[in-house]
C-alpha atoms as a PDB file:
ATOM      1  CA  UNK A   1      44.668  60.135 -31.297  1.00  0.00           C
ATOM      2  CA  UNK A   2      40.895  59.440 -31.503  1.00  0.00           C
ATOM      3  CA  UNK A   3      38.472  60.403 -28.730  1.00  0.00           C
ATOM      4  CA  UNK A   4      36.199  57.719 -27.308  1.00  0.00           C
ATOM      5  CA  UNK A   5      32.583  58.448 -26.312  1.00  0.00           C
ATOM      6  CA  UNK A   6      29.544  56.473 -25.121  1.00  0.00           C
ATOM      7  CA  UNK A   7      26.344  56.844 -27.189  1.00  0.00           C
ATOM      8  CA  UNK A   8      24.938  53.384 -26.399  1.00  0.00           C
ATOM      9  CA  UNK A   9      23.774  51.310 -23.469  1.00  0.00           C
ATOM     10  CA  UNK A  10      26.924  50.004 -21.802  1.00  0.00           C
ATOM     11  CA  UNK A  11      28.255  47.693 -19.088  1.00  0.00           C
ATOM     12  CA  UNK A  12      30.406  49.364 -16.399  1.00  0.00           C
ATOM     13  CA  UNK A  13      33.504  47.168 -16.608  1.00  0.00           C
ATOM     14  CA  UNK A  14      35.723  47.660 -13.517  1.00  0.00           C
ATOM     15  CA  UNK A  15      39.009  49.446 -14.110  1.00  0.00           C
ATOM     16  CA  UNK A  16      40.761  46.744 -12.060  1.00  0.00           C
ATOM     17  CA  UNK A  17      39.607  44.152 -14.580  1.00  0.00           C
ATOM     18  CA  UNK A  18      41.151  46.046 -17.474  1.00  0.00           C
ATOM     19  CA  UNK A  19      44.301  47.225 -15.718  1.00  0.00           C
ATOM     20  CA  UNK A  20      45.193  44.181 -13.589  1.00  0.00           C
ATOM     21  CA  UNK A  21      43.484  41.052 -14.855  1.00  0.00           C
ATOM     22  CA  UNK A  22      42.552  41.185 -18.528  1.00  0.00           C
ATOM     23  CA  UNK A  23      46.058  41.070 -20.044  1.00  0.00           C
ATOM     24  CA  UNK A  24      46.940  37.753 -18.370  1.00  0.00           C
ATOM     25  CA  UNK A  25      43.570  36.077 -18.875  1.00  0.00           C
ATOM     26  CA  UNK A  26      42.608  33.499 -21.472  1.00  0.00           C
ATOM     27  CA  UNK A  27      40.557  35.113 -24.257  1.00  0.00           C
ATOM     28  CA  UNK A  28      37.629  32.764 -23.658  1.00  0.00           C
ATOM     29  CA  UNK A  29      37.653  33.710 -19.981  1.00  0.00           C
ATOM     30  CA  UNK A  30      37.375  37.396 -20.904  1.00  0.00           C
ATOM     31  CA  UNK A  31      34.328  36.587 -23.068  1.00  0.00           C
ATOM     32  CA  UNK A  32      32.707  34.753 -20.157  1.00  0.00           C
ATOM     33  CA  UNK A  33      33.446  37.608 -17.732  1.00  0.00           C
ATOM     34  CA  UNK A  34      31.879  40.251 -19.987  1.00  0.00           C
ATOM     35  CA  UNK A  35      28.896  38.027 -20.764  1.00  0.00           C
ATOM     36  CA  UNK A  36      28.367  37.365 -17.041  1.00  0.00           C
ATOM     37  CA  UNK A  37      28.544  41.085 -16.302  1.00  0.00           C
ATOM     38  CA  UNK A  38      25.827  41.712 -18.865  1.00  0.00           C
ATOM     39  CA  UNK A  39      23.625  39.047 -17.249  1.00  0.00           C
ATOM     40  CA  UNK A  40      24.257  40.601 -13.832  1.00  0.00           C
ATOM     41  CA  UNK A  41      23.399  44.089 -15.107  1.00  0.00           C
ATOM     42  CA  UNK A  42      20.090  42.795 -16.482  1.00  0.00           C
ATOM     43  CA  UNK A  43      19.388  40.592 -13.464  1.00  0.00           C
ATOM     44  CA  UNK A  44      19.112  37.480 -15.637  1.00  0.00           C
ATOM     45  CA  UNK A  45      19.831  33.907 -14.507  1.00  0.00           C
ATOM     46  CA  UNK A  46      21.367  31.556 -17.057  1.00  0.00           C
ATOM     47  CA  UNK A  47      22.793  28.043 -16.842  1.00  0.00           C
ATOM     48  CA  UNK A  48      26.442  27.513 -17.741  1.00  0.00           C
ATOM     49  CA  UNK A  49      25.371  25.236 -20.600  1.00  0.00           C
ATOM     50  CA  UNK A  50      23.317  28.075 -22.113  1.00  0.00           C
ATOM     51  CA  UNK A  51      26.158  30.551 -21.670  1.00  0.00           C
ATOM     52  CA  UNK A  52      28.483  28.108 -23.428  1.00  0.00           C
ATOM     53  CA  UNK A  53      26.029  27.730 -26.308  1.00  0.00           C
ATOM     54  CA  UNK A  54      25.626  31.487 -26.733  1.00  0.00           C
ATOM     55  CA  UNK A  55      29.392  32.090 -26.620  1.00  0.00           C
ATOM     56  CA  UNK A  56      30.193  29.037 -28.769  1.00  0.00           C
ATOM     57  CA  UNK A  57      32.395  27.594 -26.014  1.00  0.00           C
ATOM     58  CA  UNK A  58      32.566  24.316 -24.132  1.00  0.00           C
ATOM     59  CA  UNK A  59      30.591  24.317 -20.891  1.00  0.00           C
ATOM     60  CA  UNK A  60      33.784  23.294 -19.078  1.00  0.00           C
ATOM     61  CA  UNK A  61      35.419  26.504 -20.365  1.00  0.00           C
ATOM     62  CA  UNK A  62      32.586  28.564 -18.869  1.00  0.00           C
ATOM     63  CA  UNK A  63      32.799  26.778 -15.510  1.00  0.00           C
ATOM     64  CA  UNK A  64      36.591  27.101 -15.426  1.00  0.00           C
ATOM     65  CA  UNK A  65      36.392  30.777 -16.401  1.00  0.00           C
ATOM     66  CA  UNK A  66      34.022  31.579 -13.529  1.00  0.00           C
ATOM     67  CA  UNK A  67      36.275  29.660 -11.130  1.00  0.00           C
ATOM     68  CA  UNK A  68      39.295  31.574 -12.420  1.00  0.00           C
ATOM     69  CA  UNK A  69      37.707  35.007 -11.957  1.00  0.00           C
ATOM     70  CA  UNK A  70      36.433  33.999  -8.530  1.00  0.00           C
ATOM     71  CA  UNK A  71      39.885  32.785  -7.462  1.00  0.00           C
ATOM     72  CA  UNK A  72      41.616  36.039  -8.370  1.00  0.00           C
ATOM     73  CA  UNK A  73      38.838  38.166  -6.884  1.00  0.00           C
ATOM     74  CA  UNK A  74      37.421  39.722 -10.067  1.00  0.00           C
ATOM     75  CA  UNK A  75      33.963  38.482  -9.065  1.00  0.00           C
ATOM     76  CA  UNK A  76      32.417  36.638  -6.135  1.00  0.00           C
ATOM     77  CA  UNK A  77      30.820  33.266  -6.778  1.00  0.00           C
ATOM     78  CA  UNK A  78      28.727  31.189  -4.397  1.00  0.00           C
ATOM     79  CA  UNK A  79      26.733  28.021  -4.994  1.00  0.00           C
ATOM     80  CA  UNK A  80      23.773  29.807  -6.572  1.00  0.00           C
ATOM     81  CA  UNK A  81      25.043  33.223  -7.613  1.00  0.00           C
ATOM     82  CA  UNK A  82      27.754  35.267  -9.268  1.00  0.00           C
ATOM     83  CA  UNK A  83      28.095  38.863  -8.145  1.00  0.00           C
ATOM     84  CA  UNK A  84      30.121  41.926  -9.055  1.00  0.00           C
ATOM     85  CA  UNK A  85      30.737  45.095  -7.104  1.00  0.00           C
ATOM     86  CA  UNK A  86      30.647  45.398  -3.319  1.00  0.00           C
ATOM     87  CA  UNK A  87      31.618  41.831  -2.601  1.00  0.00           C
ATOM     88  CA  UNK A  88      34.548  41.972  -4.988  1.00  0.00           C
ATOM     89  CA  UNK A  89      35.770  45.406  -3.923  1.00  0.00           C
ATOM     90  CA  UNK A  90      35.827  44.281  -0.291  1.00  0.00           C
ATOM     91  CA  UNK A  91      38.137  41.430  -1.263  1.00  0.00           C
ATOM     92  CA  UNK A  92      40.262  43.679  -3.451  1.00  0.00           C
ATOM     93  CA  UNK A  93      40.871  46.113  -0.596  1.00  0.00           C
ATOM     94  CA  UNK A  94      42.453  43.526   1.695  1.00  0.00           C
ATOM     95  CA  UNK A  95      45.953  43.769   0.166  1.00  0.00           C
ATOM     96  CA  UNK A  96      45.935  47.532   0.765  1.00  0.00           C
ATOM     97  CA  UNK A  97      45.662  46.911   4.517  1.00  0.00           C
ATOM     98  CA  UNK A  98      48.388  44.282   4.687  1.00  0.00           C
ATOM     99  CA  UNK A  99      50.867  46.311   6.668  1.00  0.00           C
ATOM    100  CA  UNK A 100      51.344  49.727   8.225  1.00  0.00           C
ATOM    101  CA  UNK A 101      54.914  49.886   6.915  1.00  0.00           C
ATOM    102  CA  UNK A 102      55.781  52.100   3.984  1.00  0.00           C
ATOM    103  CA  UNK A 103      57.238  50.679   0.761  1.00  0.00           C
ATOM    104  CA  UNK A 104      60.606  52.147   1.751  1.00  0.00           C
ATOM    105  CA  UNK A 105      60.506  50.421   5.154  1.00  0.00           C
ATOM    106  CA  UNK A 106      59.571  47.110   3.561  1.00  0.00           C
ATOM    107  CA  UNK A 107      62.368  47.452   1.001  1.00  0.00           C
ATOM    108  CA  UNK A 108      64.837  48.115   3.818  1.00  0.00           C
ATOM    109  CA  UNK A 109      63.655  45.068   5.775  1.00  0.00           C
ATOM    110  CA  UNK A 110      63.805  42.873   2.679  1.00  0.00           C
ATOM    111  CA  UNK A 111      67.342  44.088   1.976  1.00  0.00           C
ATOM    112  CA  UNK A 112      68.774  43.776   5.508  1.00  0.00           C
ATOM    113  CA  UNK A 113      67.285  40.334   6.221  1.00  0.00           C
ATOM    114  CA  UNK A 114      69.465  37.873   4.252  1.00  0.00           C
ATOM    115  CA  UNK A 115      66.733  35.236   3.992  1.00  0.00           C
ATOM    116  CA  UNK A 116      64.277  37.785   2.627  1.00  0.00           C
ATOM    117  CA  UNK A 117      66.906  39.291   0.328  1.00  0.00           C
ATOM    118  CA  UNK A 118      67.589  35.824  -1.067  1.00  0.00           C
ATOM    119  CA  UNK A 119      63.838  35.290  -1.430  1.00  0.00           C
ATOM    120  CA  UNK A 120      63.575  38.430  -3.561  1.00  0.00           C
ATOM    121  CA  UNK A 121      66.286  37.198  -5.925  1.00  0.00           C
ATOM    122  CA  UNK A 122      64.722  33.747  -6.151  1.00  0.00           C
ATOM    123  CA  UNK A 123      61.255  35.246  -6.705  1.00  0.00           C
ATOM    124  CA  UNK A 124      62.530  37.342  -9.607  1.00  0.00           C
ATOM    125  CA  UNK A 125      64.067  34.252 -11.203  1.00  0.00           C
ATOM    126  CA  UNK A 126      60.905  32.175 -10.723  1.00  0.00           C
ATOM    127  CA  UNK A 127      58.510  34.887 -11.915  1.00  0.00           C
ATOM    128  CA  UNK A 128      60.830  36.062 -14.661  1.00  0.00           C
ATOM    129  CA  UNK A 129      60.474  39.731 -13.835  1.00  0.00           C
ATOM    130  CA  UNK A 130      61.847  42.521 -11.662  1.00  0.00           C
ATOM    131  CA  UNK A 131      59.811  42.904  -8.486  1.00  0.00           C
ATOM    132  CA  UNK A 132      58.109  46.248  -7.919  1.00  0.00           C
ATOM    133  CA  UNK A 133      57.154  47.754  -4.557  1.00  0.00           C
ATOM    134  CA  UNK A 134      53.715  46.115  -4.669  1.00  0.00           C
ATOM    135  CA  UNK A 135      55.300  42.704  -5.244  1.00  0.00           C
ATOM    136  CA  UNK A 136      57.685  43.250  -2.329  1.00  0.00           C
ATOM    137  CA  UNK A 137      54.797  44.234  -0.080  1.00  0.00           C
ATOM    138  CA  UNK A 138      52.940  41.048  -1.025  1.00  0.00           C
ATOM    139  CA  UNK A 139      55.966  38.816  -0.393  1.00  0.00           C
ATOM    140  CA  UNK A 140      56.581  40.506   2.940  1.00  0.00           C
ATOM    141  CA  UNK A 141      52.910  39.988   3.840  1.00  0.00           C
ATOM    142  CA  UNK A 142      53.260  36.265   3.139  1.00  0.00           C
ATOM    143  CA  UNK A 143      56.201  36.213   5.541  1.00  0.00           C
ATOM    144  CA  UNK A 144      55.032  38.611   8.256  1.00  0.00           C
ATOM    145  CA  UNK A 145      51.253  38.089   8.345  1.00  0.00           C
ATOM    146  CA  UNK A 146      50.690  34.586   6.985  1.00  0.00           C
ATOM    147  CA  UNK A 147      53.714  33.153   8.750  1.00  0.00           C
ATOM    148  CA  UNK A 148      55.210  31.501   5.661  1.00  0.00           C
ATOM    149  CA  UNK A 149      58.970  31.035   5.693  1.00  0.00           C
ATOM    150  CA  UNK A 150      61.046  32.256   2.722  1.00  0.00           C
ATOM    151  CA  UNK A 151      61.564  28.606   1.722  1.00  0.00           C
ATOM    152  CA  UNK A 152      57.810  27.914   1.728  1.00  0.00           C
ATOM    153  CA  UNK A 153      57.161  31.136  -0.185  1.00  0.00           C
ATOM    154  CA  UNK A 154      59.670  30.008  -2.844  1.00  0.00           C
ATOM    155  CA  UNK A 155      57.813  26.679  -3.107  1.00  0.00           C
ATOM    156  CA  UNK A 156      54.529  28.571  -3.370  1.00  0.00           C
ATOM    157  CA  UNK A 157      55.864  30.647  -6.262  1.00  0.00           C
ATOM    158  CA  UNK A 158      57.234  27.586  -8.065  1.00  0.00           C
ATOM    159  CA  UNK A 159      53.926  25.781  -7.610  1.00  0.00           C
ATOM    160  CA  UNK A 160      51.901  28.656  -9.078  1.00  0.00           C
ATOM    161  CA  UNK A 161      54.289  29.121 -12.007  1.00  0.00           C
ATOM    162  CA  UNK A 162      54.143  25.368 -12.721  1.00  0.00           C
ATOM    163  CA  UNK A 163      50.397  25.867 -13.228  1.00  0.00           C
ATOM    164  CA  UNK A 164      51.085  28.720 -15.646  1.00  0.00           C
ATOM    165  CA  UNK A 165      50.069  31.400 -13.129  1.00  0.00           C
ATOM    166  CA  UNK A 166      52.445  34.326 -12.568  1.00  0.00           C
ATOM    167  CA  UNK A 167      49.973  36.974 -11.417  1.00  0.00           C
ATOM    168  CA  UNK A 168      50.641  38.112  -7.849  1.00  0.00           C
ATOM    169  CA  UNK A 169      46.888  38.389  -7.345  1.00  0.00           C
ATOM    170  CA  UNK A 170      46.515  34.695  -8.110  1.00  0.00           C
ATOM    171  CA  UNK A 171      49.568  33.771  -6.015  1.00  0.00           C
ATOM    172  CA  UNK A 172      48.137  35.703  -3.076  1.00  0.00           C
ATOM    173  CA  UNK A 173      44.904  33.704  -3.265  1.00  0.00           C
ATOM    174  CA  UNK A 174      46.885  30.461  -3.174  1.00  0.00           C
ATOM    175  CA  UNK A 175      49.015  31.741  -0.269  1.00  0.00           C
ATOM    176  CA  UNK A 176      45.881  32.474   1.757  1.00  0.00           C
ATOM    177  CA  UNK A 177      44.524  29.007   0.959  1.00  0.00           C
ATOM    178  CA  UNK A 178      47.795  27.406   2.081  1.00  0.00           C
ATOM    179  CA  UNK A 179      47.712  29.407   5.306  1.00  0.00           C
ATOM    180  CA  UNK A 180      44.093  28.461   6.009  1.00  0.00           C
ATOM    181  CA  UNK A 181      44.849  24.775   5.370  1.00  0.00           C
ATOM    182  CA  UNK A 182      47.955  24.687   7.535  1.00  0.00           C
ATOM    183  CA  UNK A 183      50.421  24.391   4.653  1.00  0.00           C
ATOM    184  CA  UNK A 184      52.998  26.544   6.399  1.00  0.00           C
ATOM    185  CA  UNK A 185      56.037  24.268   6.704  1.00  0.00           C
ATOM    186  CA  UNK A 186      58.433  22.845   4.121  1.00  0.00           C
ATOM    187  CA  UNK A 187      57.206  19.322   4.834  1.00  0.00           C
ATOM    188  CA  UNK A 188      53.547  20.262   4.413  1.00  0.00           C
ATOM    189  CA  UNK A 189      54.304  22.207   1.227  1.00  0.00           C
ATOM    190  CA  UNK A 190      56.320  19.328  -0.220  1.00  0.00           C
ATOM    191  CA  UNK A 191      53.524  16.854   0.537  1.00  0.00           C
ATOM    192  CA  UNK A 192      50.889  19.130  -0.968  1.00  0.00           C
ATOM    193  CA  UNK A 193      52.814  19.954  -4.145  1.00  0.00           C
ATOM    194  CA  UNK A 194      53.780  16.301  -4.651  1.00  0.00           C
ATOM    195  CA  UNK A 195      50.141  15.267  -4.311  1.00  0.00           C
ATOM    196  CA  UNK A 196      49.093  17.971  -6.772  1.00  0.00           C
ATOM    197  CA  UNK A 197      51.750  16.844  -9.273  1.00  0.00           C
ATOM    198  CA  UNK A 198      50.578  13.237  -8.999  1.00  0.00           C
ATOM    199  CA  UNK A 199      46.962  14.284  -9.447  1.00  0.00           C
ATOM    200  CA  UNK A 200      47.807  16.441 -12.465  1.00  0.00           C
ATOM    201  CA  UNK A 201      49.762  13.582 -14.034  1.00  0.00           C
ATOM    202  CA  UNK A 202      46.870  11.176 -13.381  1.00  0.00           C
ATOM    203  CA  UNK A 203      44.336  13.576 -14.855  1.00  0.00           C
ATOM    204  CA  UNK A 204      46.459  14.382 -17.916  1.00  0.00           C
ATOM    205  CA  UNK A 205      47.281  10.766 -18.769  1.00  0.00           C
ATOM    206  CA  UNK A 206      43.585   9.838 -18.650  1.00  0.00           C
ATOM    207  CA  UNK A 207      42.482  12.911 -20.603  1.00  0.00           C
ATOM    208  CA  UNK A 208      45.022  11.903 -23.247  1.00  0.00           C
ATOM    209  CA  UNK A 209      43.713   8.317 -23.232  1.00  0.00           C
ATOM    210  CA  UNK A 210      40.135   9.549 -23.601  1.00  0.00           C
ATOM    211  CA  UNK A 211      41.115  11.850 -26.464  1.00  0.00           C
ATOM    212  CA  UNK A 212      40.158  15.032 -24.612  1.00  0.00           C
ATOM    213  CA  UNK A 213      43.615  16.382 -23.721  1.00  0.00           C
ATOM    214  CA  UNK A 214      42.916  19.535 -25.726  1.00  0.00           C
ATOM    215  CA  UNK A 215      40.127  20.710 -23.426  1.00  0.00           C
ATOM    216  CA  UNK A 216      39.526  21.133 -19.725  1.00  0.00           C
ATOM    217  CA  UNK A 217      37.447  18.677 -17.746  1.00  0.00           C
ATOM    218  CA  UNK A 218      33.921  19.625 -16.788  1.00  0.00           C
ATOM    219  CA  UNK A 219      33.070  19.692 -13.086  1.00  0.00           C
ATOM    220  CA  UNK A 220      31.319  16.324 -13.268  1.00  0.00           C
ATOM    221  CA  UNK A 221      34.187  14.724 -15.213  1.00  0.00           C
ATOM    222  CA  UNK A 222      36.685  16.053 -12.686  1.00  0.00           C
ATOM    223  CA  UNK A 223      34.542  14.627  -9.890  1.00  0.00           C
ATOM    224  CA  UNK A 224      34.685  11.167 -11.463  1.00  0.00           C
ATOM    225  CA  UNK A 225      38.488  11.254 -11.791  1.00  0.00           C
ATOM    226  CA  UNK A 226      38.915  12.464  -8.216  1.00  0.00           C
ATOM    227  CA  UNK A 227      36.638   9.673  -6.983  1.00  0.00           C
ATOM    228  CA  UNK A 228      38.451   6.985  -8.975  1.00  0.00           C
ATOM    229  CA  UNK A 229      41.835   8.150  -7.759  1.00  0.00           C
ATOM    230  CA  UNK A 230      41.245   9.220  -4.158  1.00  0.00           C
ATOM    231  CA  UNK A 231      38.214   7.227  -3.011  1.00  0.00           C
ATOM    232  CA  UNK A 232      38.427   4.061  -5.097  1.00  0.00           C
ATOM    233  CA  UNK A 233      42.230   4.010  -5.396  1.00  0.00           C
ATOM    234  CA  UNK A 234      42.221   3.001  -9.071  1.00  0.00           C
ATOM    235  CA  UNK A 235      45.441   3.578 -11.011  1.00  0.00           C
ATOM    236  CA  UNK A 236      45.621   4.616 -14.661  1.00  0.00           C
ATOM    237  CA  UNK A 237      45.792   1.007 -15.875  1.00  0.00           C
ATOM    238  CA  UNK A 238      42.534   0.107 -14.135  1.00  0.00           C
ATOM    239  CA  UNK A 239      40.763   3.161 -15.526  1.00  0.00           C
ATOM    240  CA  UNK A 240      42.196   2.385 -18.980  1.00  0.00           C
ATOM    241  CA  UNK A 241      40.652  -1.099 -18.787  1.00  0.00           C
ATOM    242  CA  UNK A 242      37.298   0.360 -17.756  1.00  0.00           C
ATOM    243  CA  UNK A 243      37.568   2.730 -20.722  1.00  0.00           C
ATOM    244  CA  UNK A 244      38.281  -0.220 -23.025  1.00  0.00           C
ATOM    245  CA  UNK A 245      35.186  -2.046 -21.801  1.00  0.00           C
ATOM    246  CA  UNK A 246      33.158   1.159 -22.094  1.00  0.00           C
ATOM    247  CA  UNK A 247      34.131   1.663 -25.749  1.00  0.00           C
ATOM    248  CA  UNK A 248      33.458  -1.995 -26.554  1.00  0.00           C
ATOM    249  CA  UNK A 249      29.976  -1.795 -25.050  1.00  0.00           C
ATOM    250  CA  UNK A 250      28.869   1.742 -25.913  1.00  0.00           C
ATOM    251  CA  UNK A 251      31.138   2.863 -28.767  1.00  0.00           C
ATOM    252  CA  UNK A 252      31.625   6.204 -27.002  1.00  0.00           C
ATOM    253  CA  UNK A 253      33.252   7.858 -24.004  1.00  0.00           C
ATOM    254  CA  UNK A 254      30.859   7.654 -21.050  1.00  0.00           C
ATOM    255  CA  UNK A 255      32.077   8.667 -17.608  1.00  0.00           C
ATOM    256  CA  UNK A 256      28.957   7.313 -15.860  1.00  0.00           C
ATOM    257  CA  UNK A 257      29.360   3.940 -17.588  1.00  0.00           C
ATOM    258  CA  UNK A 258      33.053   3.733 -16.649  1.00  0.00           C
ATOM    259  CA  UNK A 259      32.146   4.735 -13.118  1.00  0.00           C
ATOM    260  CA  UNK A 260      29.707   1.827 -12.858  1.00  0.00           C
ATOM    261  CA  UNK A 261      32.507  -0.571 -13.816  1.00  0.00           C
ATOM    262  CA  UNK A 262      35.096   0.986 -11.499  1.00  0.00           C
ATOM    263  CA  UNK A 263      32.627   1.153  -8.615  1.00  0.00           C
ATOM    264  CA  UNK A 264      31.911  -2.565  -9.089  1.00  0.00           C
ATOM    265  CA  UNK A 265      35.643  -3.339  -8.853  1.00  0.00           C
ATOM    266  CA  UNK A 266      35.997  -1.182  -5.758  1.00  0.00           C
ATOM    267  CA  UNK A 267      33.074  -2.886  -4.016  1.00  0.00           C
ATOM    268  CA  UNK A 268      34.486  -6.320  -4.908  1.00  0.00           C
ATOM    269  CA  UNK A 269      38.000  -5.304  -3.779  1.00  0.00           C
ATOM    270  CA  UNK A 270      39.394  -5.825  -7.281  1.00  0.00           C
ATOM    271  CA  UNK A 271      42.633  -3.849  -7.482  1.00  0.00           C
ATOM    272  CA  UNK A 272      44.635  -5.261 -10.409  1.00  0.00           C
ATOM    273  CA  UNK A 273      44.070  -5.523 -14.149  1.00  0.00           C
ATOM    274  CA  UNK A 274      44.406  -9.327 -13.951  1.00  0.00           C
ATOM    275  CA  UNK A 275      41.676  -9.516 -11.309  1.00  0.00           C
ATOM    276  CA  UNK A 276      39.445  -7.177 -13.301  1.00  0.00           C
ATOM    277  CA  UNK A 277      39.849  -9.182 -16.501  1.00  0.00           C
ATOM    278  CA  UNK A 278      39.072 -12.387 -14.624  1.00  0.00           C
ATOM    279  CA  UNK A 279      35.947 -10.779 -13.178  1.00  0.00           C
ATOM    280  CA  UNK A 280      34.890  -9.727 -16.663  1.00  0.00           C
ATOM    281  CA  UNK A 281      35.251 -13.241 -18.052  1.00  0.00           C
ATOM    282  CA  UNK A 282      33.447 -14.747 -15.074  1.00  0.00           C
ATOM    283  CA  UNK A 283      30.594 -12.283 -15.486  1.00  0.00           C
ATOM    284  CA  UNK A 284      30.219 -13.140 -19.169  1.00  0.00           C
ATOM    285  CA  UNK A 285      30.209 -16.873 -18.401  1.00  0.00           C
ATOM    286  CA  UNK A 286      27.594 -16.537 -15.676  1.00  0.00           C
ATOM    287  CA  UNK A 287      25.323 -14.166 -17.602  1.00  0.00           C
ATOM    288  CA  UNK A 288      24.951 -15.512 -21.106  1.00  0.00           C
ATOM    289  CA  UNK A 289      21.344 -14.342 -21.293  1.00  0.00           C
ATOM    290  CA  UNK A 290      19.998 -11.020 -20.129  1.00  0.00           C
ATOM    291  CA  UNK A 291      16.485  -9.760 -19.537  1.00  0.00           C
ATOM    292  CA  UNK A 292      15.455  -6.456 -21.103  1.00  0.00           C
ATOM    293  CA  UNK A 293      15.518  -4.764 -17.694  1.00  0.00           C
ATOM    294  CA  UNK A 294      18.953  -6.085 -16.743  1.00  0.00           C
ATOM    295  CA  UNK A 295      21.346  -3.110 -16.653  1.00  0.00           C
ATOM    296  CA  UNK A 296      24.345  -4.691 -14.912  1.00  0.00           C
ATOM    297  CA  UNK A 297      27.790  -3.612 -15.977  1.00  0.00           C
ATOM    298  CA  UNK A 298      29.520  -5.392 -18.869  1.00  0.00           C
ATOM    299  CA  UNK A 299      26.194  -6.051 -20.615  1.00  0.00           C
ATOM    300  CA  UNK A 300      26.472  -5.602 -24.371  1.00  0.00           C
ATOM    301  CA  UNK A 301      22.891  -5.367 -25.629  1.00  0.00           C
ATOM    302  CA  UNK A 302      21.351  -2.570 -23.587  1.00  0.00           C
ATOM    303  CA  UNK A 303      20.234   0.931 -24.529  1.00  0.00           C
ATOM    304  CA  UNK A 304      23.422   2.761 -23.571  1.00  0.00           C
ATOM    305  CA  UNK A 305      21.841   6.201 -23.460  1.00  0.00           C
ATOM    306  CA  UNK A 306      19.224   4.859 -21.062  1.00  0.00           C
ATOM    307  CA  UNK A 307      21.935   3.127 -19.026  1.00  0.00           C
ATOM    308  CA  UNK A 308      23.928   6.344 -18.728  1.00  0.00           C
ATOM    309  CA  UNK A 309      20.790   8.211 -17.630  1.00  0.00           C
ATOM    310  CA  UNK A 310      20.015   5.627 -14.948  1.00  0.00           C
ATOM    311  CA  UNK A 311      23.590   5.611 -13.649  1.00  0.00           C
ATOM    312  CA  UNK A 312      23.701   9.405 -13.495  1.00  0.00           C
ATOM    313  CA  UNK A 313      20.483   9.440 -11.475  1.00  0.00           C
ATOM    314  CA  UNK A 314      22.040   7.060  -8.964  1.00  0.00           C
ATOM    315  CA  UNK A 315      25.202   9.139  -8.392  1.00  0.00           C
END
């Protein structure tokens, strides 16, 4: 077996990262984590777009990677900074102080309480693994400290697994979020998970329509979809029509341009495809000639790059 030695400048990668997080992480996310650690060690600031360029990744992958590591506690991210070390270790120590009970005491409680015993069996089926003492402690903490019932905990596990997340560290983060947002009953959990399923379906169907189903949305793209769905109340058919008009006018996918169309419909209380098509025809009939400075939606002879820039500045 070879010996390993340091003879070069190195980055002190946390043992927790290697032992707990790295195996389950996306390879691109690992690249982003190590790159970010190197920036932190040197005290260098760098935009996500530049990081993406240097790592030959999409910017959305960089943003999603930082969110992922922040969510599981491998780093601490605020609006203007990403930090490693004290902030992270403070978060990582919380699970150690979950309960004063020993693993043996927790195992006994989980065995004697039928609801908790059933939860353990269900959890093993959902997670596809045998629970260890650490897993049992975490489940018991959900029940005893966060006040989640075994039924809600089962729904929590199913929700996380449906998102492809089986790490107990990740599940714990979601459990805390549910607790903080009052998602502690079966009804609240059902409403939340149903809403998340609908949102995921909405996002996926539109990503597929736009031809970007093979990559994650950037933060700005996700913001547009959330606005169209939650604030403007536009279904997939309405967004598909806006996309059709966008391609006809610009010959490319432009979220700001589509947003200008959808925002117009929202402000005019246009809620169906038939109404939107009628509005489009009426607009064309009433605006047969356009001045060079006219940048209203539906116009076909404008500088589309300039239009997108102007719309972005107005958001």
